[in-house]
Amino acid sequence: MNLKRGRNRWREKTHCPQGHAYDAENTRFYRGRRYCRTCQNTKHLKKKEHSNA
């Protein structure tokens, strides 16, 4: 899914499924996809805590 060209429903979304805004500070682009930094950080911290337990 390439967000930089054409019209598609993903490009028009302004928030991630958890409700965080897709803005310049909170959005990470990787291989043509958008990722919410807040959600990614939360996921990473949970994974790190689980592996240390």
N, C-alpha and C. Protein backbone atom coordinates (compact mmCIF):
# COMPACT_ATOMS: atom_id res chain seq x y z
N MET A 1 0.86 -1.16 0.00
CA MET A 1 0.00 0.00 0.00
C MET A 1 0.91 1.23 0.00
N ASN A 2 0.89 1.98 -1.05
CA ASN A 2 1.71 3.18 -1.17
C ASN A 2 0.84 4.40 -0.89
N LEU A 3 1.16 5.13 0.16
CA LEU A 3 0.35 6.28 0.57
C LEU A 3 0.67 7.56 -0.19
N LYS A 4 1.77 7.57 -0.93
CA LYS A 4 2.20 8.81 -1.57
C LYS A 4 1.52 9.06 -2.91
N ARG A 5 0.87 8.07 -3.49
CA ARG A 5 0.26 8.30 -4.79
C ARG A 5 -1.20 7.84 -4.80
N GLY A 6 -1.98 8.49 -5.62
CA GLY A 6 -3.36 8.09 -5.81
C GLY A 6 -4.25 8.35 -4.60
N ARG A 7 -5.51 8.02 -4.76
CA ARG A 7 -6.47 8.14 -3.67
C ARG A 7 -6.73 6.76 -3.11
N ASN A 8 -6.64 6.64 -1.84
CA ASN A 8 -7.04 5.40 -1.20
C ASN A 8 -7.56 5.71 0.19
N ARG A 9 -8.30 4.80 0.74
CA ARG A 9 -8.94 5.05 2.03
C ARG A 9 -7.96 5.16 3.18
N TRP A 10 -6.79 4.54 3.06
CA TRP A 10 -5.81 4.59 4.15
C TRP A 10 -5.17 5.97 4.24
N ARG A 11 -4.97 6.60 3.11
CA ARG A 11 -4.34 7.92 3.09
C ARG A 11 -5.21 8.96 3.78
N GLU A 12 -6.52 8.80 3.68
CA GLU A 12 -7.45 9.77 4.24
C GLU A 12 -7.66 9.62 5.74
N LYS A 13 -7.18 8.54 6.32
CA LYS A 13 -7.34 8.35 7.76
C LYS A 13 -6.40 9.30 8.51
N THR A 14 -6.91 9.90 9.59
CA THR A 14 -6.13 10.88 10.34
C THR A 14 -5.66 10.35 11.69
N HIS A 15 -6.18 9.18 12.11
CA HIS A 15 -5.82 8.60 13.40
C HIS A 15 -5.59 7.10 13.27
N CYS A 16 -4.75 6.57 14.11
CA CYS A 16 -4.51 5.13 14.14
C CYS A 16 -5.73 4.44 14.78
N PRO A 17 -5.82 3.12 14.72
CA PRO A 17 -6.96 2.42 15.31
C PRO A 17 -7.13 2.67 16.82
N GLN A 18 -6.07 3.02 17.52
CA GLN A 18 -6.16 3.30 18.95
C GLN A 18 -6.49 4.76 19.23
N GLY A 19 -6.61 5.58 18.21
CA GLY A 19 -7.05 6.96 18.37
C GLY A 19 -5.94 8.01 18.41
N HIS A 20 -4.69 7.61 18.21
CA HIS A 20 -3.59 8.58 18.18
C HIS A 20 -3.54 9.25 16.81
N ALA A 21 -3.25 10.52 16.79
CA ALA A 21 -3.23 11.29 15.54
C ALA A 21 -2.04 10.90 14.67
N TYR A 22 -2.29 10.83 13.37
CA TYR A 22 -1.20 10.68 12.40
C TYR A 22 -0.74 12.08 12.05
N ASP A 23 0.21 12.61 12.81
CA ASP A 23 0.76 13.93 12.53
C ASP A 23 2.27 13.81 12.35
N ALA A 24 2.93 14.91 12.11
CA ALA A 24 4.36 14.88 11.81
C ALA A 24 5.19 14.31 12.96
N GLU A 25 4.79 14.56 14.19
CA GLU A 25 5.56 14.10 15.34
C GLU A 25 5.29 12.64 15.68
N ASN A 26 4.09 12.16 15.41
CA ASN A 26 3.68 10.84 15.86
C ASN A 26 3.64 9.80 14.75
N THR A 27 4.07 10.14 13.56
CA THR A 27 3.98 9.21 12.44
C THR A 27 5.36 8.83 11.94
N ARG A 28 5.54 7.53 11.74
CA ARG A 28 6.78 7.00 11.19
C ARG A 28 6.43 6.31 9.88
N PHE A 29 7.19 6.58 8.83
CA PHE A 29 6.98 5.93 7.55
C PHE A 29 8.06 4.88 7.35
N TYR A 30 7.64 3.70 6.95
CA TYR A 30 8.58 2.62 6.71
C TYR A 30 8.04 1.78 5.55
N ARG A 31 8.82 1.68 4.50
CA ARG A 31 8.45 0.92 3.31
C ARG A 31 7.07 1.29 2.78
N GLY A 32 6.78 2.58 2.74
CA GLY A 32 5.53 3.07 2.17
C GLY A 32 4.33 2.98 3.07
N ARG A 33 4.52 2.61 4.33
CA ARG A 33 3.41 2.51 5.27
C ARG A 33 3.59 3.47 6.43
N ARG A 34 2.46 3.84 7.04
CA ARG A 34 2.49 4.72 8.21
C ARG A 34 2.39 3.88 9.48
N TYR A 35 3.15 4.29 10.47
CA TYR A 35 3.08 3.64 11.77
C TYR A 35 2.96 4.71 12.85
N CYS A 36 2.13 4.47 13.82
CA CYS A 36 1.95 5.37 14.94
C CYS A 36 3.12 5.16 15.91
N ARG A 37 3.87 6.21 16.18
CA ARG A 37 5.02 6.09 17.08
C ARG A 37 4.60 5.72 18.51
N THR A 38 3.49 6.28 18.97
CA THR A 38 3.01 5.98 20.33
C THR A 38 2.71 4.49 20.46
N CYS A 39 1.99 3.95 19.51
CA CYS A 39 1.65 2.52 19.55
C CYS A 39 2.89 1.65 19.41
N GLN A 40 3.80 2.03 18.54
CA GLN A 40 5.02 1.25 18.36
C GLN A 40 5.87 1.26 19.63
N ASN A 41 5.96 2.43 20.31
CA ASN A 41 6.72 2.51 21.55
C ASN A 41 6.08 1.65 22.64
N THR A 42 4.76 1.69 22.74
CA THR A 42 4.05 0.88 23.73
C THR A 42 4.29 -0.60 23.47
N LYS A 43 4.18 -1.00 22.21
CA LYS A 43 4.40 -2.39 21.83
C LYS A 43 5.83 -2.82 22.17
N HIS A 44 6.79 -1.97 21.89
CA HIS A 44 8.19 -2.28 22.15
C HIS A 44 8.44 -2.43 23.66
N LEU A 45 7.87 -1.51 24.46
CA LEU A 45 8.06 -1.58 25.91
C LEU A 45 7.44 -2.84 26.51
N LYS A 46 6.26 -3.23 26.04
CA LYS A 46 5.61 -4.45 26.53
C LYS A 46 6.44 -5.68 26.18
N LYS A 47 6.99 -5.69 24.96
CA LYS A 47 7.82 -6.82 24.52
C LYS A 47 9.09 -6.89 25.37
N LYS A 48 9.68 -5.72 25.65
CA LYS A 48 10.90 -5.66 26.45
C LYS A 48 10.65 -6.13 27.88
N GLU A 49 9.52 -5.69 28.47
CA GLU A 49 9.17 -6.12 29.83
C GLU A 49 8.93 -7.61 29.89
N HIS A 50 8.28 -8.15 28.89
CA HIS A 50 7.98 -9.57 28.86
C HIS A 50 9.26 -10.41 28.75
N SER A 51 10.21 -9.94 27.98
CA SER A 51 11.45 -10.70 27.80
C SER A 51 12.35 -10.62 29.04
N ASN A 52 12.20 -9.55 29.84
CA ASN A 52 13.01 -9.41 31.06
C ASN A 52 12.41 -10.16 32.24
N ALA A 53 11.17 -10.56 32.15
CA ALA A 53 10.51 -11.22 33.28
C ALA A 53 10.92 -12.65 33.44
